Protein backbone atom coordinates (compact mmCIF):
# COMPACT_ATOMS: atom_id res chain seq x y z
CA MET A 1 14.61 5.29 2.70
CA LYS A 2 11.11 5.03 1.24
CA PRO A 3 8.81 8.01 1.83
CA GLU A 4 5.57 7.18 3.66
CA THR A 5 3.27 8.30 0.84
CA THR A 6 3.61 9.35 -2.78
CA ASN A 7 2.75 12.88 -1.66
CA ASP A 8 6.09 12.91 0.17
CA VAL A 9 7.93 12.55 -3.16
CA PRO A 10 8.44 16.16 -4.25
CA PHE A 11 8.29 17.53 -7.73
CA THR A 12 11.46 19.22 -8.87
CA GLU A 13 11.55 22.28 -11.10
CA ALA A 14 12.54 19.97 -13.97
CA ASP A 15 9.47 17.79 -13.29
CA TYR A 16 7.21 20.82 -13.68
CA THR A 17 9.01 22.04 -16.79
CA TYR A 18 9.90 18.84 -18.64
CA GLY A 19 8.34 16.01 -16.66
CA LYS A 20 6.12 13.36 -18.10
CA PRO A 21 3.91 10.98 -16.11
CA GLN A 22 6.19 8.10 -17.12
CA ASP A 23 9.11 9.76 -15.31
CA ARG A 24 7.14 9.94 -12.07
CA ILE A 25 5.89 6.35 -12.50
CA VAL A 26 9.49 5.11 -12.75
CA LYS A 27 10.56 7.19 -9.74
CA LEU A 28 7.70 5.94 -7.54
CA LEU A 29 8.17 2.30 -8.53
CA GLN A 30 11.91 2.55 -7.83
CA LEU A 31 11.10 3.93 -4.37
CA GLY A 32 9.07 0.77 -3.71
CA PHE A 33 5.49 1.99 -4.04
CA SER A 34 2.88 -0.48 -5.25
CA ARG A 35 1.22 -0.22 -8.62
CA ASP A 36 -2.01 0.81 -6.89
CA ASP A 37 -0.23 3.63 -5.02
CA VAL A 38 1.37 4.80 -8.26
CA PHE A 39 -1.97 4.62 -10.09
CA HIS A 40 -3.72 6.76 -7.48
CA ASP A 41 -0.88 9.30 -7.44
CA ILE A 42 -0.83 9.75 -11.21
CA TYR A 43 -4.62 9.69 -11.45
CA LYS A 44 -4.91 12.43 -8.83
CA LYS A 45 -2.31 14.61 -10.55
CA CYS A 46 -3.61 14.01 -14.10
CA ALA A 47 -7.36 13.75 -13.43
CA MET A 48 -8.16 16.21 -16.21
CA SER A 49 -6.78 13.84 -18.85
CA ILE A 50 -8.00 10.54 -17.36
CA ARG A 51 -11.77 10.50 -17.67
CA THR A 52 -13.04 7.19 -19.02
CA LYS A 53 -12.58 3.57 -18.00
CA LYS A 54 -10.47 3.13 -21.14
CA ASP A 55 -8.17 5.97 -19.97
CA LYS A 56 -7.86 4.32 -16.55
CA GLN A 57 -7.03 0.97 -18.14
CA GLU A 58 -4.38 2.58 -20.33
CA LEU A 59 -2.79 4.15 -17.23
CA ALA A 60 -2.86 0.80 -15.39
CA ASN A 61 -1.25 -0.85 -18.43
CA ILE A 62 1.51 1.77 -18.65
CA ILE A 63 2.34 1.28 -14.98
CA ALA A 64 2.45 -2.52 -15.42
CA GLN A 65 4.57 -2.26 -18.56
CA ILE A 66 7.10 -0.01 -16.83
CA ASP A 67 7.14 -2.18 -13.71
CA ASP A 68 7.55 -5.45 -15.64
CA ILE A 69 9.73 -3.95 -18.38
CA SER A 70 7.43 -5.58 -20.91
CA VAL A 71 5.19 -3.95 -23.49
CA PHE A 72 2.87 -6.95 -23.24
CA SER A 73 1.94 -6.44 -19.57
CA LYS A 74 -1.64 -5.61 -18.66
CA GLY A 75 -2.48 -3.76 -15.48
CA THR A 76 -5.58 -3.75 -13.33
CA ILE A 77 -7.49 -0.67 -12.28
CA PRO A 78 -7.37 -0.42 -8.47
CA LYS A 79 -10.62 -0.45 -6.52
CA GLY A 80 -11.89 3.02 -5.77
CA ALA A 81 -10.46 4.54 -8.93
């Protein structure tokens, strides 16, 4: 059963200790969240390290690459980000 929002997907102790953003991206995509939802979730939780448009594009690309299982995929930055 898909949670209503990404905020409903809890962090485990292992996520806090060993987690990487890629782990959460995979988990959220597997739960059926859209790339835009995943982008906003990761952006909100990692805002200190995502500052420029280039950083945002790199995040969008990582999400697309994981979702498509292709290192050649390019993502789009969602509106409002």
